[in-house]
Amino acid sequence: MDETRLRRELRDAALAHRPDHARILARVERGLAAPGPATRPPRPAGRWSGRRWTAVVAVTAAVAAVVGLGGLAATTLGERPAGPATTVPAPGPTARVTASIDPGSNRWWAQSDLALTTDTPVGGLTVELRVARTRGVVSTGHWRTRPAEDFTETVTEETRALVYRWTLKPGRTVPPGAHVFAGQYNHAEGVRDASADTYTVVLTGPDGGRSTLRGDFGAASAK
C-alpha cells in the first residue's frame, strides 16, 4: 500500500467515527464516585526541620549582633576624646644639709646637729636623724629652731640606732632660710665615733615636687 492510499483510508476512518457520548459520560461519573487514592504520608522531618532551622536563624542573628556590637565598641573607643595629660611634679625644693657634732658636746654627752637650709617655701618636711647605738648611748632630748607646734616629734629606740624624727604637720609651712634639728644623748666616757650616724631629709614643695637628701657624719666624733 502506498503512502497516498494509506493517508486517504485513515482520513475516511476518522470521518466515519462517531464517539459513544453516553459511554464516556458513564465512565466519568464512575470515576468521580470512586474513593480517591490514598494520601501519601508526610515525609518525616529531615535534618533541617523547622525547629533546627529556627535555631540556625537565631544563632546567625546572635553572631551578627555580636559582630555589630564589636564594631560599634571599636568606633566608640576610637572616637573617645583623649584624657588630660598626667602632670609629673617638678623636682622639689632646693635645700642643703650640714651634719656635725655640736661644739658643746663633752666626754659623756653629745648633740648631733642637722643644719638645713631651704631656698624656697616647703609644704612638707620630714627630718630623720639616726644615731648608732654605740656603747652607753641613751637619748636625753631633742630640739629644733622651728616652732614646736608645727611638728610631730618622736624618738624611737631600735636595735642598732636611736631614731629622732621631726614631721611637719599638715597645713604648716617652712619658709626659706636656715633651720636646725638636734638630737641629744649620753654615751660611754671618752671619744665616741659618729661615722655610723646618718640622716634623711624629705622636702615637698607647694606643687608636689619632692626632694630627698641623705648623708652621714663622716669621721666626726663626740668628745
Protein backbone atom coordinates (compact mmCIF):
# COMPACT_ATOMS: atom_id res chain seq x y z
CA MET A 1 0.00 0.00 0.00
CA ASP A 2 1.41 3.30 -0.99
CA GLU A 3 1.58 6.30 1.34
CA THR A 4 -1.12 8.24 -0.52
CA ARG A 5 -3.69 5.47 -0.24
CA LEU A 6 -2.87 4.93 3.48
CA ARG A 7 -3.46 8.55 4.31
CA ARG A 8 -6.79 8.54 2.46
CA GLU A 9 -8.11 5.48 4.33
CA LEU A 10 -7.09 6.90 7.70
CA ARG A 11 -8.87 10.15 6.96
CA ASP A 12 -12.02 8.33 5.84
CA ALA A 13 -11.99 6.24 9.03
CA ALA A 14 -11.66 9.34 11.17
CA LEU A 15 -14.57 10.99 9.42
CA ALA A 16 -16.72 7.91 9.82
CA HIS A 17 -16.04 7.57 13.62
CA ARG A 18 -18.93 8.50 15.89
CA PRO A 19 -17.94 8.66 19.67
CA ASP A 20 -20.27 6.98 22.20
CA HIS A 21 -21.03 10.01 24.37
CA ALA A 22 -23.19 8.05 26.79
CA ARG A 23 -20.42 5.56 27.50
CA ILE A 24 -17.84 8.30 28.07
CA LEU A 25 -20.15 10.14 30.47
CA ALA A 26 -20.78 6.97 32.45
CA ARG A 27 -17.03 6.38 32.91
CA VAL A 28 -16.55 9.93 34.16
CA GLU A 29 -19.38 9.52 36.69
CA ARG A 30 -17.92 6.26 37.97
CA GLY A 31 -14.55 7.92 38.41
CA LEU A 32 -15.98 10.74 40.45
CA ALA A 33 -17.91 8.38 42.69
CA ALA A 34 -14.93 6.10 43.42
CA PRO A 35 -12.77 6.81 46.56
CA GLY A 36 -9.69 8.86 45.84
CA PRO A 37 -6.19 7.38 46.04
CA ALA A 38 -4.67 7.04 49.48
CA THR A 39 -2.90 10.21 50.63
CA ARG A 40 0.85 9.78 50.82
CA PRO A 41 2.01 10.05 54.41
CA PRO A 42 4.02 13.20 55.15
CA ARG A 43 7.76 12.82 54.82
CA PRO A 44 9.43 12.71 58.19
CA ALA A 45 11.31 15.84 59.13
CA GLY A 46 14.84 15.77 57.86
CA ARG A 47 17.95 17.21 59.45
CA TRP A 48 16.85 20.73 58.53
CA SER A 49 13.48 20.62 60.32
CA GLY A 50 11.59 23.73 61.23
CA ARG A 51 12.95 23.73 64.78
CA ARG A 52 16.56 23.37 63.67
CA TRP A 53 16.12 25.99 61.01
CA THR A 54 14.76 28.34 63.67
CA ALA A 55 17.84 27.60 65.82
CA VAL A 56 20.15 28.31 62.90
CA VAL A 57 18.40 31.59 62.25
CA ALA A 58 18.67 32.53 65.96
CA VAL A 59 22.38 31.68 66.13
CA THR A 60 23.05 33.62 62.96
CA ALA A 61 21.21 36.62 64.36
CA ALA A 62 23.18 36.39 67.63
CA VAL A 63 26.51 36.24 65.81
CA ALA A 64 25.51 39.20 63.68
CA ALA A 65 24.53 41.12 66.80
CA VAL A 66 27.87 40.39 68.50
CA VAL A 67 29.81 41.43 65.42
CA GLY A 68 27.73 44.55 65.16
CA LEU A 69 28.29 45.47 68.80
CA GLY A 70 32.02 44.84 68.47
CA GLY A 71 32.22 47.23 65.58
CA LEU A 72 30.22 49.81 67.50
CA ALA A 73 32.52 49.48 70.52
CA ALA A 74 35.60 49.92 68.37
CA THR A 75 34.13 53.02 66.80
CA THR A 76 33.17 54.44 70.18
CA LEU A 77 36.65 53.86 71.63
CA GLY A 78 38.29 55.31 68.58
CA GLU A 79 36.22 58.47 68.86
CA ARG A 80 36.65 58.88 72.63
CA PRO A 81 38.48 62.13 73.39
CA ALA A 82 41.90 61.79 74.99
CA GLY A 83 42.05 62.32 78.76
CA PRO A 84 44.08 65.06 80.40
CA ALA A 85 47.83 64.58 80.27
CA THR A 86 49.44 63.42 83.50
CA THR A 87 51.47 66.15 85.11
CA VAL A 88 54.68 64.95 86.73
CA PRO A 89 55.69 67.19 89.64
CA ALA A 90 58.85 69.14 89.08
CA PRO A 91 61.84 68.43 91.33
CA GLY A 92 61.16 69.50 94.89
CA PRO A 93 62.54 72.40 96.90
CA THR A 94 66.24 73.18 96.70
CA ALA A 95 67.95 72.63 100.03
CA ARG A 96 71.28 71.77 101.70
CA VAL A 97 72.11 69.87 104.86
CA THR A 98 75.21 70.05 107.03
CA ALA A 99 75.71 67.33 109.67
CA SER A 100 78.00 67.97 112.63
CA ILE A 101 78.62 67.27 116.33
CA ASP A 102 77.83 70.34 118.37
CA PRO A 103 80.91 72.04 119.85
CA GLY A 104 79.27 71.96 123.28
CA SER A 105 79.48 68.14 123.43
CA ASN A 106 81.76 66.54 126.07
CA ARG A 107 83.26 63.17 127.09
CA TRP A 108 79.91 61.83 128.42
CA TRP A 109 77.27 63.67 126.41
CA ALA A 110 76.81 64.83 122.79
CA GLN A 111 74.47 66.67 120.46
CA SER A 112 74.15 65.86 116.75
CA ASP A 113 73.12 68.88 114.65
CA LEU A 114 71.46 68.92 111.24
CA ALA A 115 71.62 72.38 109.72
CA LEU A 116 69.01 72.55 106.94
CA THR A 117 68.96 75.50 104.55
CA THR A 118 65.95 75.88 102.23
CA ASP A 119 65.85 78.23 99.25
CA THR A 120 62.09 78.09 98.67
CA PRO A 121 58.99 77.56 100.85
CA VAL A 122 58.42 73.96 101.95
CA GLY A 123 54.94 72.50 102.35
CA GLY A 124 56.03 69.05 103.56
CA LEU A 125 59.10 68.12 105.57
CA THR A 126 60.41 65.05 107.39
CA VAL A 127 63.81 65.10 109.08
CA GLU A 128 65.23 61.81 110.38
CA LEU A 129 68.42 61.50 112.44
CA ARG A 130 69.79 58.04 113.19
CA VAL A 131 72.38 57.85 115.98
CA ALA A 132 74.17 54.50 116.02
CA ARG A 133 73.80 52.72 119.36
CA THR A 134 77.40 52.59 120.34
CA ARG A 135 78.27 51.75 123.94
CA GLY A 136 76.29 53.72 126.53
CA VAL A 137 74.11 55.70 124.03
CA VAL A 138 70.85 56.87 125.66
CA SER A 139 68.61 59.70 124.42
CA THR A 140 68.42 62.80 126.62
CA GLY A 141 66.27 65.03 124.43
CA HIS A 142 65.95 66.92 121.14
CA TRP A 143 65.00 70.34 119.77
CA ARG A 144 64.58 72.40 116.57
CA THR A 145 64.64 76.08 115.70
CA ARG A 146 61.17 75.98 114.12
CA PRO A 147 58.08 76.27 116.37
CA ALA A 148 57.33 73.07 118.28
CA GLU A 149 53.61 73.26 117.41
CA ASP A 150 54.47 72.94 113.71
CA PHE A 151 55.98 69.47 114.12
CA THR A 152 55.26 65.96 115.34
CA GLU A 153 58.42 64.74 117.12
CA THR A 154 59.31 61.16 118.02
CA VAL A 155 62.31 59.23 119.38
CA THR A 156 62.42 55.50 118.66
CA GLU A 157 64.90 53.07 120.19
CA GLU A 158 65.79 50.49 117.57
CA THR A 159 68.27 47.67 117.99
CA ARG A 160 71.08 49.49 116.20
CA ALA A 161 70.10 53.14 116.42
CA LEU A 162 68.23 55.91 118.19
CA VAL A 163 65.88 57.41 115.61
CA TYR A 164 64.90 61.08 116.01
CA ARG A 165 62.16 62.16 113.61
CA TRP A 166 60.53 65.57 113.01
CA THR A 167 57.49 65.67 110.71
CA LEU A 168 55.86 68.92 109.60
CA LYS A 169 52.15 68.91 110.39
CA PRO A 170 49.60 69.23 107.54
CA GLY A 171 48.81 72.81 106.65
CA ARG A 172 52.07 74.18 108.09
CA THR A 173 54.98 75.53 106.05
CA VAL A 174 58.68 76.10 106.47
CA PRO A 175 59.93 79.39 104.98
CA PRO A 176 63.21 79.77 103.11
CA GLY A 177 66.17 80.05 105.43
CA ALA A 178 68.39 78.15 107.86
CA HIS A 179 66.82 75.67 110.29
CA VAL A 180 68.46 73.38 112.85
CA PHE A 181 67.29 69.99 114.14
CA ALA A 182 69.27 68.43 117.00
CA GLY A 183 69.30 65.12 118.86
CA GLN A 184 70.92 64.80 122.31
CA TYR A 185 72.23 61.66 124.04
CA ASN A 186 74.62 60.30 126.65
CA HIS A 187 77.40 57.92 125.65
CA ALA A 188 80.24 55.98 127.25
CA GLU A 189 83.07 58.13 128.60
CA GLY A 190 85.62 59.12 126.01
CA VAL A 191 85.59 59.87 122.33
CA ARG A 192 82.56 58.44 120.51
CA ASP A 193 82.86 57.54 116.81
CA ALA A 194 79.89 59.15 114.98
CA SER A 195 80.81 57.92 111.48
CA ALA A 196 77.88 55.43 111.52
CA ASP A 197 75.31 58.17 112.30
CA THR A 198 73.11 59.08 109.30
CA TYR A 199 70.28 61.40 108.28
CA THR A 200 67.47 61.58 105.71
CA VAL A 201 65.56 64.76 104.86
CA VAL A 202 62.48 64.70 102.60
CA LEU A 203 61.07 68.03 101.38
CA THR A 204 57.87 68.63 99.40
CA GLY A 205 57.11 71.83 97.52
CA PRO A 206 53.71 73.53 97.06
CA ASP A 207 53.39 71.91 93.60
CA GLY A 208 54.00 68.40 94.95
CA GLY A 209 57.62 68.15 93.79
CA ARG A 210 59.80 66.19 96.20
CA SER A 211 63.48 66.26 97.11
CA THR A 212 65.36 63.76 99.30
CA LEU A 213 68.73 64.46 100.95
CA ARG A 214 70.80 61.74 102.63
CA GLY A 215 74.16 61.70 104.31
CA ASP A 216 76.23 60.79 107.35
CA PHE A 217 78.53 62.37 109.92
CA GLY A 218 81.68 61.05 108.30
CA ALA A 219 84.61 60.89 110.69
CA ALA A 220 83.02 63.33 113.12
CA SER A 221 83.48 62.43 116.78
CA ALA A 222 81.91 63.39 120.07
CA LYS A 223 84.17 64.07 122.99
